[in-house]
């Protein structure tokens, strides 16, 4: 698939927030189709390290990456590991980090990856193609575990009803495809008249769970804080409330207005602020962009400028990350 086939969300706003400069070093923490990376490299004579744990997207990027020479380096590692990776590359500090969170358009459009309930495909949803995947969770998790996953990671109000329906159906026959799971969910919890398919939150929950997306986000934000130089910029584009809550509180806990205490993080000691939020509240896409790219409709952009405060964990039990759910029947052989 071509780069042009996948429209980057709020690209103008991202560039304005990141403010690339000549000689700067930037991290595209969620490389995907490479749209942000290309825009950054064209905006200034700088360098970009593109991270993605999905090896297929980096392989696809080789067709155009050569035009930027050694200004672009592609890294097939999770963004949570960016500190270690960049230090291996003798990079101690960077001028900017950008996150474009969630699932990419390419992953949604490839039925064989199993991310979309609108296309027939195997239940996978692993960004790195590994195991255990969503099919393993659906096959082995009990009702309580499935219900917790749907409730915490999908914010699904009918999690128990859907979990029981899944277990009842798999007792009759294995649930092997995306459309089979979507059909079960739709029958168990129909939503007539709703613009949102009943399976939307279930697929979101499974994807977030098997990829540990929220845990990775927390680690990635800490890594960015450690890497950024003074006046460096951190930009994050989120697509659902769980991600946005974490990013919002991350900046709030570290801003001059809040490090003396907030309702999310009562201080136990004096904290030197490490970020100045760039905007008072999240930036959302313009109406024109939503009309041309419907996938942008739920996007929110938050950004901050690195201050002199040290990189430390500041009450991050209050970031809003849901508690980690485990699937006991998979513990011996798998990592969930």
C-alpha atoms as a PDB file:
ATOM      1  CA  UNK A   1       0.000   0.000   0.000  1.00  0.00           C
ATOM      2  CA  UNK A   2       1.265   3.446  -0.771  1.00  0.00           C
ATOM      3  CA  UNK A   3       2.003   6.201   1.661  1.00  0.00           C
ATOM      4  CA  UNK A   4      -0.513   8.407  -0.120  1.00  0.00           C
ATOM      5  CA  UNK A   5      -3.327   5.921   0.528  1.00  0.00           C
ATOM      6  CA  UNK A   6      -3.330   6.729   4.249  1.00  0.00           C
ATOM      7  CA  UNK A   7      -4.137  10.285   5.282  1.00  0.00           C
ATOM      8  CA  UNK A   8      -2.203  11.453   8.363  1.00  0.00           C
ATOM      9  CA  UNK A   9      -4.452  12.891  11.080  1.00  0.00           C
ATOM     10  CA  UNK A  10      -4.021  16.601  11.945  1.00  0.00           C
ATOM     11  CA  UNK A  11      -0.684  16.766  10.137  1.00  0.00           C
ATOM     12  CA  UNK A  12      -0.594  20.594  10.117  1.00  0.00           C
ATOM     13  CA  UNK A  13      -1.380  20.752  13.821  1.00  0.00           C
ATOM     14  CA  UNK A  14       1.225  18.088  14.619  1.00  0.00           C
ATOM     15  CA  UNK A  15       3.935  19.988  12.727  1.00  0.00           C
ATOM     16  CA  UNK A  16       2.973  23.241  14.424  1.00  0.00           C
ATOM     17  CA  UNK A  17       3.205  21.603  17.841  1.00  0.00           C
ATOM     18  CA  UNK A  18       6.459  19.761  17.117  1.00  0.00           C
ATOM     19  CA  UNK A  19       8.108  22.743  15.355  1.00  0.00           C
ATOM     20  CA  UNK A  20      10.907  20.781  13.581  1.00  0.00           C
ATOM     21  CA  UNK A  21      14.182  22.681  13.258  1.00  0.00           C
ATOM     22  CA  UNK A  22      17.329  22.239  11.206  1.00  0.00           C
ATOM     23  CA  UNK A  23      19.817  19.920  12.878  1.00  0.00           C
ATOM     24  CA  UNK A  24      17.176  18.578  15.256  1.00  0.00           C
ATOM     25  CA  UNK A  25      16.687  14.926  16.194  1.00  0.00           C
ATOM     26  CA  UNK A  26      13.123  13.625  16.347  1.00  0.00           C
ATOM     27  CA  UNK A  27      11.397  10.374  17.258  1.00  0.00           C
ATOM     28  CA  UNK A  28       8.304   9.175  15.425  1.00  0.00           C
ATOM     29  CA  UNK A  29       7.295   6.688  18.112  1.00  0.00           C
ATOM     30  CA  UNK A  30       4.479   5.127  16.062  1.00  0.00           C
ATOM     31  CA  UNK A  31       5.836   5.112  12.516  1.00  0.00           C
ATOM     32  CA  UNK A  32       2.908   3.351  10.785  1.00  0.00           C
ATOM     33  CA  UNK A  33       2.620   4.578   7.224  1.00  0.00           C
ATOM     34  CA  UNK A  34       5.394   7.108   7.814  1.00  0.00           C
ATOM     35  CA  UNK A  35       3.265  10.180   7.104  1.00  0.00           C
ATOM     36  CA  UNK A  36       4.418  12.155  10.135  1.00  0.00           C
ATOM     37  CA  UNK A  37       8.035  11.173   9.508  1.00  0.00           C
ATOM     38  CA  UNK A  38       7.948  12.360   5.901  1.00  0.00           C
ATOM     39  CA  UNK A  39       6.322  15.638   6.913  1.00  0.00           C
ATOM     40  CA  UNK A  40       8.945  16.252   9.626  1.00  0.00           C
ATOM     41  CA  UNK A  41      11.836  15.491   7.286  1.00  0.00           C
ATOM     42  CA  UNK A  42      10.419  17.811   4.624  1.00  0.00           C
ATOM     43  CA  UNK A  43       9.750  20.601   7.112  1.00  0.00           C
ATOM     44  CA  UNK A  44      13.384  20.905   8.243  1.00  0.00           C
ATOM     45  CA  UNK A  45      16.859  19.519   7.567  1.00  0.00           C
ATOM     46  CA  UNK A  46      16.652  17.219  10.573  1.00  0.00           C
ATOM     47  CA  UNK A  47      16.835  13.528  11.477  1.00  0.00           C
ATOM     48  CA  UNK A  48      14.070  11.112  12.471  1.00  0.00           C
ATOM     49  CA  UNK A  49      14.172   7.763  14.245  1.00  0.00           C
ATOM     50  CA  UNK A  50      11.016   5.862  13.307  1.00  0.00           C
ATOM     51  CA  UNK A  51       9.858   3.174  15.761  1.00  0.00           C
ATOM     52  CA  UNK A  52       7.303   0.464  15.058  1.00  0.00           C
ATOM     53  CA  UNK A  53       6.912  -3.034  16.477  1.00  0.00           C
ATOM     54  CA  UNK A  54       5.132  -4.095  13.283  1.00  0.00           C
ATOM     55  CA  UNK A  55       7.954  -5.236  11.000  1.00  0.00           C
ATOM     56  CA  UNK A  56       5.681  -5.217   7.936  1.00  0.00           C
ATOM     57  CA  UNK A  57       5.209  -1.428   7.972  1.00  0.00           C
ATOM     58  CA  UNK A  58       8.940  -0.807   8.167  1.00  0.00           C
ATOM     59  CA  UNK A  59       9.586  -3.180   5.287  1.00  0.00           C
ATOM     60  CA  UNK A  60       6.980  -1.338   3.233  1.00  0.00           C
ATOM     61  CA  UNK A  61       8.642   2.006   3.983  1.00  0.00           C
ATOM     62  CA  UNK A  62      11.929   0.977   2.369  1.00  0.00           C
ATOM     63  CA  UNK A  63      10.467   1.852  -1.033  1.00  0.00           C
ATOM     64  CA  UNK A  64      10.630   5.573  -0.185  1.00  0.00           C
ATOM     65  CA  UNK A  65      12.919   5.868   2.851  1.00  0.00           C
ATOM     66  CA  UNK A  66      16.071   5.925   0.731  1.00  0.00           C
ATOM     67  CA  UNK A  67      15.270   9.437  -0.521  1.00  0.00           C
ATOM     68  CA  UNK A  68      16.108  10.766   2.949  1.00  0.00           C
ATOM     69  CA  UNK A  69      19.417   8.916   3.288  1.00  0.00           C
ATOM     70  CA  UNK A  70      20.866   8.742   6.791  1.00  0.00           C
ATOM     71  CA  UNK A  71      18.405  11.379   8.029  1.00  0.00           C
ATOM     72  CA  UNK A  72      15.901   8.544   8.569  1.00  0.00           C
ATOM     73  CA  UNK A  73      16.501   5.394  10.590  1.00  0.00           C
ATOM     74  CA  UNK A  74      13.825   2.729  10.970  1.00  0.00           C
ATOM     75  CA  UNK A  75      13.727   0.673  14.159  1.00  0.00           C
ATOM     76  CA  UNK A  76      11.632  -2.467  14.653  1.00  0.00           C
ATOM     77  CA  UNK A  77      11.218  -2.125  18.416  1.00  0.00           C
ATOM     78  CA  UNK A  78       8.406  -0.948  20.738  1.00  0.00           C
ATOM     79  CA  UNK A  79       8.515   2.770  21.501  1.00  0.00           C
ATOM     80  CA  UNK A  80       8.681   1.969  25.218  1.00  0.00           C
ATOM     81  CA  UNK A  81      12.294   0.914  24.538  1.00  0.00           C
ATOM     82  CA  UNK A  82      13.334   4.145  22.817  1.00  0.00           C
ATOM     83  CA  UNK A  83      15.769   5.220  25.543  1.00  0.00           C
ATOM     84  CA  UNK A  84      17.791   2.009  25.362  1.00  0.00           C
ATOM     85  CA  UNK A  85      17.660   1.877  21.564  1.00  0.00           C
ATOM     86  CA  UNK A  86      18.792   5.465  21.052  1.00  0.00           C
ATOM     87  CA  UNK A  87      21.574   5.135  23.566  1.00  0.00           C
ATOM     88  CA  UNK A  88      22.796   2.145  21.569  1.00  0.00           C
ATOM     89  CA  UNK A  89      22.868   4.587  18.631  1.00  0.00           C
ATOM     90  CA  UNK A  90      24.834   7.114  20.745  1.00  0.00           C
ATOM     91  CA  UNK A  91      21.855   9.469  20.942  1.00  0.00           C
ATOM     92  CA  UNK A  92      21.467  10.922  24.435  1.00  0.00           C
ATOM     93  CA  UNK A  93      18.821  13.582  23.834  1.00  0.00           C
ATOM     94  CA  UNK A  94      16.246  14.459  21.193  1.00  0.00           C
ATOM     95  CA  UNK A  95      14.369  17.618  20.214  1.00  0.00           C
ATOM     96  CA  UNK A  96      10.941  16.101  19.785  1.00  0.00           C
ATOM     97  CA  UNK A  97       8.838  12.962  20.140  1.00  0.00           C
ATOM     98  CA  UNK A  98       5.485  12.364  18.461  1.00  0.00           C
ATOM     99  CA  UNK A  99       2.958   9.593  19.173  1.00  0.00           C
ATOM    100  CA  UNK A 100       0.107   8.707  16.806  1.00  0.00           C
ATOM    101  CA  UNK A 101      -1.647   6.133  18.963  1.00  0.00           C
ATOM    102  CA  UNK A 102      -4.009   3.265  18.287  1.00  0.00           C
ATOM    103  CA  UNK A 103      -4.307   1.081  15.208  1.00  0.00           C
ATOM    104  CA  UNK A 104      -3.171   2.377  11.816  1.00  0.00           C
ATOM    105  CA  UNK A 105      -5.279   2.600   8.674  1.00  0.00           C
ATOM    106  CA  UNK A 106      -3.075  -0.008   7.025  1.00  0.00           C
ATOM    107  CA  UNK A 107      -3.652  -2.500   9.820  1.00  0.00           C
ATOM    108  CA  UNK A 108      -7.413  -1.928   9.715  1.00  0.00           C
ATOM    109  CA  UNK A 109      -7.504  -2.349   5.950  1.00  0.00           C
ATOM    110  CA  UNK A 110      -5.586  -5.644   5.923  1.00  0.00           C
ATOM    111  CA  UNK A 111      -8.159  -8.342   6.689  1.00  0.00           C
ATOM    112  CA  UNK A 112      -5.485 -10.943   7.423  1.00  0.00           C
ATOM    113  CA  UNK A 113      -4.316  -8.912  10.438  1.00  0.00           C
ATOM    114  CA  UNK A 114      -7.683  -9.399  12.146  1.00  0.00           C
ATOM    115  CA  UNK A 115      -8.120  -5.834  13.447  1.00  0.00           C
ATOM    116  CA  UNK A 116     -11.454  -5.057  11.782  1.00  0.00           C
ATOM    117  CA  UNK A 117     -14.831  -6.685  12.363  1.00  0.00           C
ATOM    118  CA  UNK A 118     -15.963  -5.383   8.965  1.00  0.00           C
ATOM    119  CA  UNK A 119     -13.744  -7.796   7.042  1.00  0.00           C
ATOM    120  CA  UNK A 120     -13.406 -11.580   7.286  1.00  0.00           C
ATOM    121  CA  UNK A 121     -10.057 -12.484   8.808  1.00  0.00           C
ATOM    122  CA  UNK A 122      -8.382 -14.524  11.535  1.00  0.00           C
ATOM    123  CA  UNK A 123      -8.650 -13.248  15.121  1.00  0.00           C
ATOM    124  CA  UNK A 124      -5.165 -11.849  15.593  1.00  0.00           C
ATOM    125  CA  UNK A 125      -4.822  -8.099  16.349  1.00  0.00           C
ATOM    126  CA  UNK A 126      -1.197  -8.450  17.444  1.00  0.00           C
ATOM    127  CA  UNK A 127       0.801  -5.546  16.023  1.00  0.00           C
ATOM    128  CA  UNK A 128       3.974  -7.618  16.025  1.00  0.00           C
ATOM    129  CA  UNK A 129       2.263 -10.714  14.627  1.00  0.00           C
ATOM    130  CA  UNK A 130       3.093 -12.691  17.781  1.00  0.00           C
ATOM    131  CA  UNK A 131       1.174 -14.806  20.253  1.00  0.00           C
ATOM    132  CA  UNK A 132      -0.917 -14.938  22.358  1.00  0.00           C
ATOM    133  CA  UNK A 133      -3.350 -13.012  20.207  1.00  0.00           C
ATOM    134  CA  UNK A 134      -7.021 -12.084  20.293  1.00  0.00           C
ATOM    135  CA  UNK A 135      -8.011 -15.560  19.137  1.00  0.00           C
ATOM    136  CA  UNK A 136      -6.210 -17.075  22.124  1.00  0.00           C
ATOM    137  CA  UNK A 137      -8.002 -14.734  24.511  1.00  0.00           C
ATOM    138  CA  UNK A 138     -11.406 -15.545  23.024  1.00  0.00           C
ATOM    139  CA  UNK A 139     -10.601 -19.271  23.177  1.00  0.00           C
ATOM    140  CA  UNK A 140      -9.191 -19.504  26.701  1.00  0.00           C
ATOM    141  CA  UNK A 141     -10.385 -16.617  28.893  1.00  0.00           C
ATOM    142  CA  UNK A 142     -13.274 -17.408  31.244  1.00  0.00           C
ATOM    143  CA  UNK A 143     -16.398 -15.274  31.587  1.00  0.00           C
ATOM    144  CA  UNK A 144     -14.994 -13.160  34.418  1.00  0.00           C
ATOM    145  CA  UNK A 145     -11.739 -12.483  32.560  1.00  0.00           C
ATOM    146  CA  UNK A 146     -13.459 -11.630  29.274  1.00  0.00           C
ATOM    147  CA  UNK A 147     -15.918  -9.355  31.060  1.00  0.00           C
ATOM    148  CA  UNK A 148     -13.046  -7.510  32.790  1.00  0.00           C
ATOM    149  CA  UNK A 149     -11.190  -7.032  29.508  1.00  0.00           C
ATOM    150  CA  UNK A 150     -14.282  -5.638  27.783  1.00  0.00           C
ATOM    151  CA  UNK A 151     -15.133  -3.392  30.743  1.00  0.00           C
ATOM    152  CA  UNK A 152     -11.679  -1.960  31.461  1.00  0.00           C
ATOM    153  CA  UNK A 153     -10.241  -1.676  27.937  1.00  0.00           C
ATOM    154  CA  UNK A 154     -13.424  -1.162  25.915  1.00  0.00           C
ATOM    155  CA  UNK A 155     -15.551   0.650  28.494  1.00  0.00           C
ATOM    156  CA  UNK A 156     -18.348  -1.697  27.433  1.00  0.00           C
ATOM    157  CA  UNK A 157     -21.407  -1.484  29.714  1.00  0.00           C
ATOM    158  CA  UNK A 158     -22.735  -4.892  28.612  1.00  0.00           C
ATOM    159  CA  UNK A 159     -19.433  -6.689  29.121  1.00  0.00           C
ATOM    160  CA  UNK A 160     -20.893  -9.521  31.178  1.00  0.00           C
ATOM    161  CA  UNK A 161     -23.665 -10.316  28.703  1.00  0.00           C
ATOM    162  CA  UNK A 162     -21.216 -10.368  25.802  1.00  0.00           C
ATOM    163  CA  UNK A 163     -18.663 -12.468  27.701  1.00  0.00           C
ATOM    164  CA  UNK A 164     -21.255 -15.103  28.546  1.00  0.00           C
ATOM    165  CA  UNK A 165     -22.435 -15.214  24.938  1.00  0.00           C
ATOM    166  CA  UNK A 166     -18.882 -15.754  23.674  1.00  0.00           C
ATOM    167  CA  UNK A 167     -18.218 -18.598  26.104  1.00  0.00           C
ATOM    168  CA  UNK A 168     -21.546 -20.241  25.237  1.00  0.00           C
ATOM    169  CA  UNK A 169     -20.810 -20.064  21.498  1.00  0.00           C
ATOM    170  CA  UNK A 170     -17.232 -21.346  21.762  1.00  0.00           C
ATOM    171  CA  UNK A 171     -18.519 -24.366  23.710  1.00  0.00           C
ATOM    172  CA  UNK A 172     -20.453 -25.257  20.555  1.00  0.00           C
ATOM    173  CA  UNK A 173     -17.693 -24.460  18.034  1.00  0.00           C
ATOM    174  CA  UNK A 174     -14.369 -22.553  17.990  1.00  0.00           C
ATOM    175  CA  UNK A 175     -14.589 -18.824  17.234  1.00  0.00           C
ATOM    176  CA  UNK A 176     -11.906 -18.352  14.603  1.00  0.00           C
ATOM    177  CA  UNK A 177     -12.705 -15.251  12.569  1.00  0.00           C
ATOM    178  CA  UNK A 178     -13.381 -11.561  13.048  1.00  0.00           C
ATOM    179  CA  UNK A 179     -16.819 -11.737  11.477  1.00  0.00           C
ATOM    180  CA  UNK A 180     -17.805 -14.741  13.597  1.00  0.00           C
ATOM    181  CA  UNK A 181     -16.964 -12.841  16.778  1.00  0.00           C
ATOM    182  CA  UNK A 182     -18.715  -9.689  15.539  1.00  0.00           C
ATOM    183  CA  UNK A 183     -21.878 -11.673  14.795  1.00  0.00           C
ATOM    184  CA  UNK A 184     -21.912 -13.167  18.301  1.00  0.00           C
ATOM    185  CA  UNK A 185     -21.528  -9.724  19.869  1.00  0.00           C
ATOM    186  CA  UNK A 186     -24.214  -8.201  17.672  1.00  0.00           C
ATOM    187  CA  UNK A 187     -26.703 -10.931  18.626  1.00  0.00           C
ATOM    188  CA  UNK A 188     -25.871 -10.701  22.333  1.00  0.00           C
ATOM    189  CA  UNK A 189     -25.995  -6.907  22.574  1.00  0.00           C
ATOM    190  CA  UNK A 190     -27.810  -5.405  19.589  1.00  0.00           C
ATOM    191  CA  UNK A 191     -27.817  -1.646  19.230  1.00  0.00           C
ATOM    192  CA  UNK A 192     -30.564  -0.733  16.764  1.00  0.00           C
ATOM    193  CA  UNK A 193     -30.299   2.802  15.513  1.00  0.00           C
ATOM    194  CA  UNK A 194     -26.780   3.311  16.828  1.00  0.00           C
ATOM    195  CA  UNK A 195     -24.085   4.611  14.494  1.00  0.00           C
ATOM    196  CA  UNK A 196     -21.543   2.480  16.370  1.00  0.00           C
ATOM    197  CA  UNK A 197     -21.441  -1.257  15.669  1.00  0.00           C
ATOM    198  CA  UNK A 198     -21.908  -3.318  18.866  1.00  0.00           C
ATOM    199  CA  UNK A 199     -18.555  -5.020  18.278  1.00  0.00           C
ATOM    200  CA  UNK A 200     -16.557  -1.773  18.137  1.00  0.00           C
ATOM    201  CA  UNK A 201     -15.661  -1.633  21.835  1.00  0.00           C
ATOM    202  CA  UNK A 202     -15.066  -5.393  22.028  1.00  0.00           C
ATOM    203  CA  UNK A 203     -12.500  -5.281  19.223  1.00  0.00           C
ATOM    204  CA  UNK A 204     -10.905  -2.194  20.776  1.00  0.00           C
ATOM    205  CA  UNK A 205     -10.634  -3.951  24.135  1.00  0.00           C
ATOM    206  CA  UNK A 206      -9.079  -7.109  22.690  1.00  0.00           C
ATOM    207  CA  UNK A 207      -6.584  -5.105  20.626  1.00  0.00           C
ATOM    208  CA  UNK A 208      -5.524  -2.936  23.556  1.00  0.00           C
ATOM    209  CA  UNK A 209      -5.222  -5.985  25.801  1.00  0.00           C
ATOM    210  CA  UNK A 210      -3.142  -8.267  23.572  1.00  0.00           C
ATOM    211  CA  UNK A 211      -0.768  -5.424  22.640  1.00  0.00           C
ATOM    212  CA  UNK A 212      -0.601  -3.969  26.185  1.00  0.00           C
ATOM    213  CA  UNK A 213      -1.159  -0.600  24.537  1.00  0.00           C
ATOM    214  CA  UNK A 214      -1.876   1.408  27.679  1.00  0.00           C
ATOM    215  CA  UNK A 215       1.075  -0.001  29.594  1.00  0.00           C
ATOM    216  CA  UNK A 216       3.280   0.703  26.580  1.00  0.00           C
ATOM    217  CA  UNK A 217       1.935   4.264  26.420  1.00  0.00           C
ATOM    218  CA  UNK A 218       2.816   4.967  30.054  1.00  0.00           C
ATOM    219  CA  UNK A 219       6.329   3.583  29.523  1.00  0.00           C
ATOM    220  CA  UNK A 220       6.678   5.500  26.257  1.00  0.00           C
ATOM    221  CA  UNK A 221       5.725   8.813  27.856  1.00  0.00           C
ATOM    222  CA  UNK A 222       8.304   8.262  30.592  1.00  0.00           C
ATOM    223  CA  UNK A 223      10.904   7.397  27.945  1.00  0.00           C
ATOM    224  CA  UNK A 224      10.112  10.572  25.997  1.00  0.00           C
ATOM    225  CA  UNK A 225      10.425  12.646  29.151  1.00  0.00           C
ATOM    226  CA  UNK A 226      13.852  11.144  29.801  1.00  0.00           C
ATOM    227  CA  UNK A 227      15.068  11.716  26.233  1.00  0.00           C
ATOM    228  CA  UNK A 228      13.815  15.221  25.537  1.00  0.00           C
ATOM    229  CA  UNK A 229      16.228  18.123  25.884  1.00  0.00           C
ATOM    230  CA  UNK A 230      15.180  21.409  27.488  1.00  0.00           C
ATOM    231  CA  UNK A 231      12.663  23.108  25.138  1.00  0.00           C
ATOM    232  CA  UNK A 232      12.125  19.796  23.346  1.00  0.00           C
ATOM    233  CA  UNK A 233       8.533  18.978  22.424  1.00  0.00           C
ATOM    234  CA  UNK A 234       6.283  16.018  23.125  1.00  0.00           C
ATOM    235  CA  UNK A 235       3.194  15.606  20.908  1.00  0.00           C
ATOM    236  CA  UNK A 236       0.550  12.890  21.265  1.00  0.00           C
ATOM    237  CA  UNK A 237      -2.491  12.201  19.099  1.00  0.00           C
ATOM    238  CA  UNK A 238      -5.020   9.902  20.766  1.00  0.00           C
ATOM    239  CA  UNK A 239      -8.179   8.265  19.466  1.00  0.00           C
ATOM    240  CA  UNK A 240     -10.124   7.155  22.535  1.00  0.00           C
ATOM    241  CA  UNK A 241     -10.707   8.269  26.104  1.00  0.00           C
ATOM    242  CA  UNK A 242      -8.382   5.745  27.776  1.00  0.00           C
ATOM    243  CA  UNK A 243      -5.350   6.991  25.838  1.00  0.00           C
ATOM    244  CA  UNK A 244      -6.340  10.638  26.152  1.00  0.00           C
ATOM    245  CA  UNK A 245      -6.837  10.366  29.911  1.00  0.00           C
ATOM    246  CA  UNK A 246      -3.304   9.023  30.370  1.00  0.00           C
ATOM    247  CA  UNK A 247      -1.720  11.721  28.195  1.00  0.00           C
ATOM    248  CA  UNK A 248      -3.792  14.495  29.800  1.00  0.00           C
ATOM    249  CA  UNK A 249      -2.825  13.479  33.330  1.00  0.00           C
ATOM    250  CA  UNK A 250       0.803  12.933  32.339  1.00  0.00           C
ATOM    251  CA  UNK A 251       1.088  16.591  31.344  1.00  0.00           C
ATOM    252  CA  UNK A 252      -1.052  17.789  34.265  1.00  0.00           C
ATOM    253  CA  UNK A 253       1.128  15.999  36.816  1.00  0.00           C
ATOM    254  CA  UNK A 254       4.229  17.678  35.393  1.00  0.00           C
ATOM    255  CA  UNK A 255       3.073  21.219  34.643  1.00  0.00           C
ATOM    256  CA  UNK A 256       3.922  24.329  36.673  1.00  0.00           C
ATOM    257  CA  UNK A 257       0.239  24.785  37.507  1.00  0.00           C
ATOM    258  CA  UNK A 258      -0.180  21.298  38.943  1.00  0.00           C
ATOM    259  CA  UNK A 259       3.065  20.061  40.467  1.00  0.00           C
ATOM    260  CA  UNK A 260       2.159  21.837  43.703  1.00  0.00           C
ATOM    261  CA  UNK A 261      -0.867  19.546  43.861  1.00  0.00           C
ATOM    262  CA  UNK A 262      -3.905  18.463  41.856  1.00  0.00           C
ATOM    263  CA  UNK A 263      -7.002  16.385  42.390  1.00  0.00           C
ATOM    264  CA  UNK A 264      -5.309  13.581  40.467  1.00  0.00           C
ATOM    265  CA  UNK A 265      -1.981  13.771  42.235  1.00  0.00           C
ATOM    266  CA  UNK A 266      -1.763  15.198  45.762  1.00  0.00           C
ATOM    267  CA  UNK A 267       1.941  15.923  46.280  1.00  0.00           C
ATOM    268  CA  UNK A 268       4.041  14.325  48.990  1.00  0.00           C
ATOM    269  CA  UNK A 269       7.113  16.433  48.177  1.00  0.00           C
ATOM    270  CA  UNK A 270       8.132  19.510  46.235  1.00  0.00           C
ATOM    271  CA  UNK A 271       8.300  18.649  42.530  1.00  0.00           C
ATOM    272  CA  UNK A 272      10.111  20.639  39.850  1.00  0.00           C
ATOM    273  CA  UNK A 273       7.827  20.813  36.757  1.00  0.00           C
ATOM    274  CA  UNK A 274       9.108  19.018  33.658  1.00  0.00           C
ATOM    275  CA  UNK A 275       6.546  20.084  31.029  1.00  0.00           C
ATOM    276  CA  UNK A 276       4.701  23.220  30.051  1.00  0.00           C
ATOM    277  CA  UNK A 277       1.503  22.197  28.212  1.00  0.00           C
ATOM    278  CA  UNK A 278       1.406  23.877  24.809  1.00  0.00           C
ATOM    279  CA  UNK A 279      -2.387  24.177  24.745  1.00  0.00           C
ATOM    280  CA  UNK A 280      -4.943  24.770  27.480  1.00  0.00           C
ATOM    281  CA  UNK A 281      -7.011  21.839  26.229  1.00  0.00           C
ATOM    282  CA  UNK A 282      -6.787  19.184  23.541  1.00  0.00           C
ATOM    283  CA  UNK A 283      -6.792  20.227  19.880  1.00  0.00           C
ATOM    284  CA  UNK A 284      -9.362  18.478  17.692  1.00  0.00           C
ATOM    285  CA  UNK A 285      -9.465  18.099  13.899  1.00  0.00           C
ATOM    286  CA  UNK A 286     -11.187  20.716  11.769  1.00  0.00           C
ATOM    287  CA  UNK A 287     -14.626  19.927  10.336  1.00  0.00           C
ATOM    288  CA  UNK A 288     -13.148  19.794   6.828  1.00  0.00           C
ATOM    289  CA  UNK A 289     -10.667  17.098   7.848  1.00  0.00           C
ATOM    290  CA  UNK A 290     -13.333  14.942   9.485  1.00  0.00           C
ATOM    291  CA  UNK A 291     -15.415  15.177   6.309  1.00  0.00           C
ATOM    292  CA  UNK A 292     -12.550  13.980   4.121  1.00  0.00           C
ATOM    293  CA  UNK A 293     -11.067  11.523   6.639  1.00  0.00           C
ATOM    294  CA  UNK A 294     -13.789  10.117   8.961  1.00  0.00           C
ATOM    295  CA  UNK A 295     -11.196   8.165  10.969  1.00  0.00           C
ATOM    296  CA  UNK A 296      -9.956  11.483  12.350  1.00  0.00           C
ATOM    297  CA  UNK A 297     -13.247  12.342  14.067  1.00  0.00           C
ATOM    298  CA  UNK A 298     -12.248  11.076  17.531  1.00  0.00           C
ATOM    299  CA  UNK A 299      -8.658  12.365  17.446  1.00  0.00           C
ATOM    300  CA  UNK A 300      -7.278  14.664  20.137  1.00  0.00           C
ATOM    301  CA  UNK A 301      -3.857  16.294  20.123  1.00  0.00           C
ATOM    302  CA  UNK A 302      -2.017  17.265  23.296  1.00  0.00           C
ATOM    303  CA  UNK A 303       1.502  18.658  23.442  1.00  0.00           C
ATOM    304  CA  UNK A 304       4.028  20.011  25.882  1.00  0.00           C
ATOM    305  CA  UNK A 305       7.421  21.731  25.981  1.00  0.00           C
ATOM    306  CA  UNK A 306      10.143  20.135  28.114  1.00  0.00           C
ATOM    307  CA  UNK A 307      11.234  22.218  31.079  1.00  0.00           C
ATOM    308  CA  UNK A 308      14.295  21.802  33.295  1.00  0.00           C
ATOM    309  CA  UNK A 309      12.631  19.536  35.844  1.00  0.00           C
ATOM    310  CA  UNK A 310      14.155  16.069  36.237  1.00  0.00           C
ATOM    311  CA  UNK A 311      12.658  12.999  34.643  1.00  0.00           C
ATOM    312  CA  UNK A 312      10.979  11.219  37.537  1.00  0.00           C
ATOM    313  CA  UNK A 313       7.844   9.201  38.125  1.00  0.00           C
ATOM    314  CA  UNK A 314       5.334  11.681  39.549  1.00  0.00           C
ATOM    315  CA  UNK A 315       2.361   9.937  41.134  1.00  0.00           C
ATOM    316  CA  UNK A 316       1.778   7.955  37.978  1.00  0.00           C
ATOM    317  CA  UNK A 317      -0.491   5.488  39.681  1.00  0.00           C
ATOM    318  CA  UNK A 318      -2.964   8.315  39.022  1.00  0.00           C
ATOM    319  CA  UNK A 319      -2.518   8.414  35.237  1.00  0.00           C
ATOM    320  CA  UNK A 320      -5.773   6.555  34.724  1.00  0.00           C
ATOM    321  CA  UNK A 321      -4.406   3.308  33.289  1.00  0.00           C
ATOM    322  CA  UNK A 322      -6.901   0.478  34.006  1.00  0.00           C
ATOM    323  CA  UNK A 323      -5.615  -2.380  36.122  1.00  0.00           C
ATOM    324  CA  UNK A 324      -3.943  -5.154  34.162  1.00  0.00           C
ATOM    325  CA  UNK A 325      -6.193  -8.163  33.522  1.00  0.00           C
ATOM    326  CA  UNK A 326      -4.662 -11.645  33.316  1.00  0.00           C
ATOM    327  CA  UNK A 327      -5.938 -14.803  31.648  1.00  0.00           C
ATOM    328  CA  UNK A 328      -4.980 -17.650  33.972  1.00  0.00           C
ATOM    329  CA  UNK A 329      -5.464 -20.514  31.512  1.00  0.00           C
ATOM    330  CA  UNK A 330      -2.785 -18.994  29.280  1.00  0.00           C
ATOM    331  CA  UNK A 331      -0.156 -18.289  31.917  1.00  0.00           C
ATOM    332  CA  UNK A 332       1.902 -21.451  31.530  1.00  0.00           C
ATOM    333  CA  UNK A 333       2.574 -21.143  27.825  1.00  0.00           C
ATOM    334  CA  UNK A 334       1.958 -17.490  27.073  1.00  0.00           C
ATOM    335  CA  UNK A 335       2.627 -14.073  28.496  1.00  0.00           C
ATOM    336  CA  UNK A 336      -0.824 -12.572  29.065  1.00  0.00           C
END
